[in-house]
PDB file of N, CA and C in Angstrom:
ATOM      1  N   UNK A   1       0.667  -1.112   0.021  1.00  0.00           N
ATOM      2  CA  UNK A   1       0.194  -0.021  -0.233  1.00  0.00           C
ATOM      3  C   UNK A   1       1.179   1.305  -0.205  1.00  0.00           C
ATOM      4  N   UNK A   2       0.727   2.046  -1.027  1.00  0.00           N
ATOM      5  CA  UNK A   2       1.388   3.671  -1.172  1.00  0.00           C
ATOM      6  C   UNK A   2       0.754   4.689  -0.806  1.00  0.00           C
ATOM      7  N   UNK A   3       1.189   5.680  -0.066  1.00  0.00           N
ATOM      8  CA  UNK A   3       0.282   6.857   0.384  1.00  0.00           C
ATOM      9  C   UNK A   3       1.046   7.884  -0.375  1.00  0.00           C
ATOM     10  N   UNK A   4       0.629   8.304  -1.324  1.00  0.00           N
ATOM     11  CA  UNK A   4       1.076   9.716  -1.484  1.00  0.00           C
ATOM     12  C   UNK A   4       0.936  10.956  -0.925  1.00  0.00           C
ATOM     13  N   UNK A   5       2.029  12.130  -0.932  1.00  0.00           N
ATOM     14  CA  UNK A   5       1.712  13.040  -0.384  1.00  0.00           C
ATOM     15  C   UNK A   5       2.427  13.785  -0.380  1.00  0.00           C
ATOM     16  N   UNK A   6       2.313  14.892  -1.513  1.00  0.00           N
ATOM     17  CA  UNK A   6       3.073  15.846  -2.118  1.00  0.00           C
ATOM     18  C   UNK A   6       4.081  15.012  -3.229  1.00  0.00           C
ATOM     19  N   UNK A   7       5.308  15.795  -2.613  1.00  0.00           N
ATOM     20  CA  UNK A   7       6.252  14.899  -3.439  1.00  0.00           C
ATOM     21  C   UNK A   7       6.977  13.697  -3.405  1.00  0.00           C
ATOM     22  N   UNK A   8       6.267  13.699  -1.999  1.00  0.00           N
ATOM     23  CA  UNK A   8       6.627  12.393  -1.148  1.00  0.00           C
ATOM     24  C   UNK A   8       5.613  11.220  -1.335  1.00  0.00           C
ATOM     25  N   UNK A   9       6.099   9.836  -0.658  1.00  0.00           N
ATOM     26  CA  UNK A   9       5.300   8.869  -0.815  1.00  0.00           C
ATOM     27  C   UNK A   9       5.410   7.454   0.476  1.00  0.00           C
ATOM     28  N   UNK A  10       4.697   7.124   1.035  1.00  0.00           N
ATOM     29  CA  UNK A  10       5.346   6.113   2.078  1.00  0.00           C
ATOM     30  C   UNK A  10       4.494   4.745   1.427  1.00  0.00           C
ATOM     31  N   UNK A  11       5.199   3.689   1.875  1.00  0.00           N
ATOM     32  CA  UNK A  11       4.406   2.167   1.745  1.00  0.00           C
ATOM     33  C   UNK A  11       5.008   1.254   2.886  1.00  0.00           C
ATOM     34  N   UNK A  12       3.669   0.826   3.244  1.00  0.00           N
ATOM     35  CA  UNK A  12       4.072  -0.639   4.381  1.00  0.00           C
ATOM     36  C   UNK A  12       3.831  -1.738   3.485  1.00  0.00           C
ATOM     37  N   UNK A  13       4.824  -2.858   3.660  1.00  0.00           N
ATOM     38  CA  UNK A  13       5.015  -4.093   3.629  1.00  0.00           C
ATOM     39  C   UNK A  13       5.228  -5.099   4.557  1.00  0.00           C
ATOM     40  N   UNK A  14       4.589  -6.518   4.030  1.00  0.00           N
ATOM     41  CA  UNK A  14       4.433  -7.108   5.491  1.00  0.00           C
ATOM     42  C   UNK A  14       5.821  -8.194   4.697  1.00  0.00           C
ATOM     43  N   UNK A  15       6.670  -8.477   5.843  1.00  0.00           N
ATOM     44  CA  UNK A  15       8.225  -9.310   5.310  1.00  0.00           C
ATOM     45  C   UNK A  15       7.441 -10.763   5.929  1.00  0.00           C
ATOM     46  N   UNK A  16       7.800 -12.037   5.093  1.00  0.00           N
ATOM     47  CA  UNK A  16       7.743 -12.929   5.668  1.00  0.00           C
ATOM     48  C   UNK A  16       9.109 -13.739   5.654  1.00  0.00           C
ATOM     49  N   UNK A  17       8.957 -15.181   6.470  1.00  0.00           N
ATOM     50  CA  UNK A  17      10.551 -15.408   6.628  1.00  0.00           C
ATOM     51  C   UNK A  17      10.538 -16.376   5.703  1.00  0.00           C
ATOM     52  N   UNK A  18      11.762 -16.054   5.127  1.00  0.00           N
ATOM     53  CA  UNK A  18      11.968 -17.123   3.444  1.00  0.00           C
ATOM     54  C   UNK A  18      11.861 -18.762   3.821  1.00  0.00           C
ATOM     55  N   UNK A  19      12.421 -19.327   4.999  1.00  0.00           N
ATOM     56  CA  UNK A  19      12.387 -20.278   5.795  1.00  0.00           C
ATOM     57  C   UNK A  19      11.138 -21.261   5.800  1.00  0.00           C
ATOM     58  N   UNK A  20      10.265 -20.523   6.646  1.00  0.00           N
ATOM     59  CA  UNK A  20       9.171 -20.930   7.441  1.00  0.00           C
ATOM     60  C   UNK A  20       7.626 -20.133   6.116  1.00  0.00           C
ATOM     61  N   UNK A  21       8.015 -19.245   5.916  1.00  0.00           N
ATOM     62  CA  UNK A  21       6.796 -18.326   4.958  1.00  0.00           C
ATOM     63  C   UNK A  21       6.275 -17.770   6.058  1.00  0.00           C
ATOM     64  N   UNK A  22       6.148 -17.313   7.594  1.00  0.00           N
ATOM     65  CA  UNK A  22       5.656 -17.345   8.494  1.00  0.00           C
ATOM     66  C   UNK A  22       5.601 -15.779   8.213  1.00  0.00           C
ATOM     67  N   UNK A  23       4.738 -14.838   8.882  1.00  0.00           N
ATOM     68  CA  UNK A  23       5.015 -13.378   8.588  1.00  0.00           C
ATOM     69  C   UNK A  23       5.889 -13.245   9.831  1.00  0.00           C
ATOM     70  N   UNK A  24       6.890 -12.275   9.456  1.00  0.00           N
ATOM     71  CA  UNK A  24       7.897 -12.071  10.457  1.00  0.00           C
ATOM     72  C   UNK A  24       8.089 -10.711  10.730  1.00  0.00           C
ATOM     73  N   UNK A  25       7.964  -9.438   9.890  1.00  0.00           N
ATOM     74  CA  UNK A  25       7.486  -8.282  10.459  1.00  0.00           C
ATOM     75  C   UNK A  25       6.889  -7.223   9.238  1.00  0.00           C
ATOM     76  N   UNK A  26       6.605  -5.847   9.465  1.00  0.00           N
ATOM     77  CA  UNK A  26       6.192  -4.838   8.685  1.00  0.00           C
ATOM     78  C   UNK A  26       7.084  -4.150   8.390  1.00  0.00           C
ATOM     79  N   UNK A  27       7.467  -3.880   7.101  1.00  0.00           N
ATOM     80  CA  UNK A  27       8.540  -2.338   6.636  1.00  0.00           C
ATOM     81  C   UNK A  27       7.890  -1.547   6.050  1.00  0.00           C
ATOM     82  N   UNK A  28       8.423  -0.341   6.213  1.00  0.00           N
ATOM     83  CA  UNK A  28       7.868   1.110   5.877  1.00  0.00           C
ATOM     84  C   UNK A  28       9.171   1.737   5.004  1.00  0.00           C
ATOM     85  N   UNK A  29       8.455   2.241   3.995  1.00  0.00           N
ATOM     86  CA  UNK A  29       9.637   2.667   2.732  1.00  0.00           C
ATOM     87  C   UNK A  29       8.936   3.862   2.526  1.00  0.00           C
ATOM     88  N   UNK A  30      10.181   5.116   2.366  1.00  0.00           N
ATOM     89  CA  UNK A  30       9.861   6.674   2.282  1.00  0.00           C
ATOM     90  C   UNK A  30      10.614   6.444   0.908  1.00  0.00           C
ATOM     91  N   UNK A  31       9.608   7.167   0.039  1.00  0.00           N
ATOM     92  CA  UNK A  31       9.831   7.856  -1.547  1.00  0.00           C
ATOM     93  C   UNK A  31       9.655   9.191  -1.549  1.00  0.00           C
ATOM     94  N   UNK A  32      10.677   9.811  -2.294  1.00  0.00           N
ATOM     95  CA  UNK A  32      10.988  11.231  -2.872  1.00  0.00           C
ATOM     96  C   UNK A  32       9.955  10.408  -4.687  1.00  0.00           C
ATOM     97  N   UNK A  33       8.812  11.205  -4.687  1.00  0.00           N
ATOM     98  CA  UNK A  33       8.347  10.532  -6.037  1.00  0.00           C
ATOM     99  C   UNK A  33       8.787  11.728  -7.238  1.00  0.00           C
ATOM    100  N   UNK A  34       8.921  13.279  -6.613  1.00  0.00           N
ATOM    101  CA  UNK A  34       9.349  14.092  -8.352  1.00  0.00           C
ATOM    102  C   UNK A  34      11.080  14.372  -7.335  1.00  0.00           C
ATOM    103  N   UNK A  35      11.763  14.460  -8.144  1.00  0.00           N
ATOM    104  CA  UNK A  35      11.553  14.144 -10.197  1.00  0.00           C
ATOM    105  C   UNK A  35      11.525  12.637 -10.381  1.00  0.00           C
ATOM    106  N   UNK A  36      12.257  11.792  -9.470  1.00  0.00           N
ATOM    107  CA  UNK A  36      11.839  10.701 -10.095  1.00  0.00           C
ATOM    108  C   UNK A  36      11.698  10.201  -8.791  1.00  0.00           C
ATOM    109  N   UNK A  37      11.127   8.484  -8.652  1.00  0.00           N
ATOM    110  CA  UNK A  37      11.058   7.683  -7.576  1.00  0.00           C
ATOM    111  C   UNK A  37      12.376   7.242  -6.884  1.00  0.00           C
ATOM    112  N   UNK A  38      12.462   7.870  -5.784  1.00  0.00           N
ATOM    113  CA  UNK A  38      13.961   7.458  -5.192  1.00  0.00           C
ATOM    114  C   UNK A  38      13.290   6.976  -3.599  1.00  0.00           C
ATOM    115  N   UNK A  39      14.162   5.807  -3.082  1.00  0.00           N
ATOM    116  CA  UNK A  39      13.646   5.437  -1.632  1.00  0.00           C
ATOM    117  C   UNK A  39      14.885   6.197  -0.908  1.00  0.00           C
ATOM    118  N   UNK A  40      14.534   7.050   0.365  1.00  0.00           N
ATOM    119  CA  UNK A  40      15.618   8.048   1.079  1.00  0.00           C
ATOM    120  C   UNK A  40      15.230   7.361   2.383  1.00  0.00           C
ATOM    121  N   UNK A  41      14.340   6.467   3.098  1.00  0.00           N
ATOM    122  CA  UNK A  41      14.591   6.274   4.151  1.00  0.00           C
ATOM    123  C   UNK A  41      13.516   4.822   4.282  1.00  0.00           C
ATOM    124  N   UNK A  42      13.985   3.801   5.090  1.00  0.00           N
ATOM    125  CA  UNK A  42      13.242   2.658   5.320  1.00  0.00           C
ATOM    126  C   UNK A  42      13.334   2.399   6.539  1.00  0.00           C
ATOM    127  N   UNK A  43      12.664   1.420   7.508  1.00  0.00           N
ATOM    128  CA  UNK A  43      12.308   1.240   8.763  1.00  0.00           C
ATOM    129  C   UNK A  43      11.229  -0.167   8.708  1.00  0.00           C
ATOM    130  N   UNK A  44      11.200  -0.255  10.360  1.00  0.00           N
ATOM    131  CA  UNK A  44      10.711  -1.473  10.314  1.00  0.00           C
ATOM    132  C   UNK A  44       9.933  -1.706  11.838  1.00  0.00           C
ATOM    133  N   UNK A  45       8.948  -2.498  11.729  1.00  0.00           N
ATOM    134  CA  UNK A  45       8.216  -2.618  13.158  1.00  0.00           C
ATOM    135  C   UNK A  45       7.365  -3.915  13.202  1.00  0.00           C
ATOM    136  N   UNK A  46       6.998  -4.125  14.537  1.00  0.00           N
ATOM    137  CA  UNK A  46       6.507  -5.589  14.199  1.00  0.00           C
ATOM    138  C   UNK A  46       4.898  -6.138  14.278  1.00  0.00           C
ATOM    139  N   UNK A  47       3.891  -4.760  14.399  1.00  0.00           N
ATOM    140  CA  UNK A  47       2.670  -4.596  13.373  1.00  0.00           C
ATOM    141  C   UNK A  47       2.383  -3.386  11.876  1.00  0.00           C
ATOM    142  N   UNK A  48       1.622  -3.882  11.410  1.00  0.00           N
ATOM    143  CA  UNK A  48       1.342  -2.882  10.528  1.00  0.00           C
ATOM    144  C   UNK A  48       0.854  -1.632  10.968  1.00  0.00           C
ATOM    145  N   UNK A  49       0.212  -1.475  12.011  1.00  0.00           N
ATOM    146  CA  UNK A  49      -0.082  -0.533  12.812  1.00  0.00           C
ATOM    147  C   UNK A  49       0.944   0.923  12.712  1.00  0.00           C
ATOM    148  N   UNK A  50       1.958   0.457  13.556  1.00  0.00           N
ATOM    149  CA  UNK A  50       3.039   0.740  14.129  1.00  0.00           C
ATOM    150  C   UNK A  50       4.100   1.024  13.007  1.00  0.00           C
ATOM    151  N   UNK A  51       3.909   0.000  12.216  1.00  0.00           N
ATOM    152  CA  UNK A  51       4.667   0.573  11.091  1.00  0.00           C
ATOM    153  C   UNK A  51       4.339   1.653   9.756  1.00  0.00           C
ATOM    154  N   UNK A  52       2.738   2.064  10.020  1.00  0.00           N
ATOM    155  CA  UNK A  52       2.218   2.927   9.598  1.00  0.00           C
ATOM    156  C   UNK A  52       2.247   4.376   9.852  1.00  0.00           C
ATOM    157  N   UNK A  53       2.330   4.208  11.273  1.00  0.00           N
ATOM    158  CA  UNK A  53       2.609   5.543  11.761  1.00  0.00           C
ATOM    159  C   UNK A  53       4.041   6.045  11.689  1.00  0.00           C
ATOM    160  N   UNK A  54       4.935   5.011  12.143  1.00  0.00           N
ATOM    161  CA  UNK A  54       6.445   5.107  11.984  1.00  0.00           C
ATOM    162  C   UNK A  54       6.919   6.230  10.625  1.00  0.00           C
ATOM    163  N   UNK A  55       5.992   5.068   9.538  1.00  0.00           N
ATOM    164  CA  UNK A  55       6.518   5.613   8.231  1.00  0.00           C
ATOM    165  C   UNK A  55       5.838   7.187   8.195  1.00  0.00           C
ATOM    166  N   UNK A  56       4.704   7.040   8.628  1.00  0.00           N
ATOM    167  CA  UNK A  56       3.744   8.828   8.789  1.00  0.00           C
ATOM    168  C   UNK A  56       4.646   9.678   9.047  1.00  0.00           C
ATOM    169  N   UNK A  57       5.014   9.221  10.626  1.00  0.00           N
ATOM    170  CA  UNK A  57       6.107  10.415  11.323  1.00  0.00           C
ATOM    171  C   UNK A  57       7.637  10.686  10.539  1.00  0.00           C
ATOM    172  N   UNK A  58       8.074   9.356   9.991  1.00  0.00           N
ATOM    173  CA  UNK A  58       9.292   9.832   9.328  1.00  0.00           C
ATOM    174  C   UNK A  58       9.002  10.335   8.013  1.00  0.00           C
ATOM    175  N   UNK A  59       8.001  10.454   7.304  1.00  0.00           N
ATOM    176  CA  UNK A  59       7.910  11.255   5.996  1.00  0.00           C
ATOM    177  C   UNK A  59       7.137  12.819   6.815  1.00  0.00           C
ATOM    178  N   UNK A  60       6.730  12.629   7.689  1.00  0.00           N
ATOM    179  CA  UNK A  60       6.281  14.920   8.127  1.00  0.00           C
ATOM    180  C   UNK A  60       7.621  15.267   8.757  1.00  0.00           C
ATOM    181  N   UNK A  61       8.604  14.263   9.195  1.00  0.00           N
ATOM    182  CA  UNK A  61       9.657  14.804   9.403  1.00  0.00           C
ATOM    183  C   UNK A  61      10.690  15.250   8.596  1.00  0.00           C
ATOM    184  N   UNK A  62      10.448  14.424   7.545  1.00  0.00           N
ATOM    185  CA  UNK A  62      11.084  14.802   6.075  1.00  0.00           C
ATOM    186  C   UNK A  62      10.262  16.400   5.174  1.00  0.00           C
ATOM    187  N   UNK A  63       9.189  16.414   5.456  1.00  0.00           N
ATOM    188  CA  UNK A  63       8.460  17.414   4.718  1.00  0.00           C
ATOM    189  C   UNK A  63       8.923  18.753   5.221  1.00  0.00           C
ATOM    190  N   UNK A  64       8.677  18.479   6.936  1.00  0.00           N
ATOM    191  CA  UNK A  64       9.310  19.280   7.364  1.00  0.00           C
ATOM    192  C   UNK A  64      10.941  20.163   7.009  1.00  0.00           C
ATOM    193  N   UNK A  65      11.548  19.214   7.387  1.00  0.00           N
ATOM    194  CA  UNK A  65      13.193  19.507   6.757  1.00  0.00           C
ATOM    195  C   UNK A  65      12.982  20.328   5.408  1.00  0.00           C
ATOM    196  N   UNK A  66      12.197  19.913   4.688  1.00  0.00           N
ATOM    197  CA  UNK A  66      12.584  20.372   3.241  1.00  0.00           C
ATOM    198  C   UNK A  66      11.392  21.500   2.996  1.00  0.00           C
ATOM    199  N   UNK A  67      11.123  21.989   3.455  1.00  0.00           N
ATOM    200  CA  UNK A  67       9.760  23.129   3.534  1.00  0.00           C
ATOM    201  C   UNK A  67      10.704  24.383   4.127  1.00  0.00           C
ATOM    202  N   UNK A  68      10.908  25.274   3.140  1.00  0.00           N
ATOM    203  CA  UNK A  68      11.399  26.866   3.415  1.00  0.00           C
ATOM    204  C   UNK A  68      10.495  27.193   4.860  1.00  0.00           C
ATOM    205  N   UNK A  69      11.638  27.513   5.768  1.00  0.00           N
ATOM    206  CA  UNK A  69      10.871  28.565   6.478  1.00  0.00           C
ATOM    207  C   UNK A  69       9.789  30.006   5.868  1.00  0.00           C
ATOM    208  N   UNK A  70       9.125  30.548   6.157  1.00  0.00           N
ATOM    209  CA  UNK A  70       8.314  31.617   6.308  1.00  0.00           C
ATOM    210  C   UNK A  70       9.083  32.772   6.976  1.00  0.00           C
TER     211      UNK A  70
END
């Protein structure tokens, strides 16, 4: 699932253990989508909700950092 916000996006995906095929953890990825799709950050969490929250928080930090002060 990829969520777009301005020039950035984050996605959350479930990672499975290659040996057992059982769910292992959730990963979030942060992308800069303009001018090109480029992964700029990544992390992991034990649940989908936690991964979504961490991904949104990381995306907000990046957006605040890249927004010029008024």
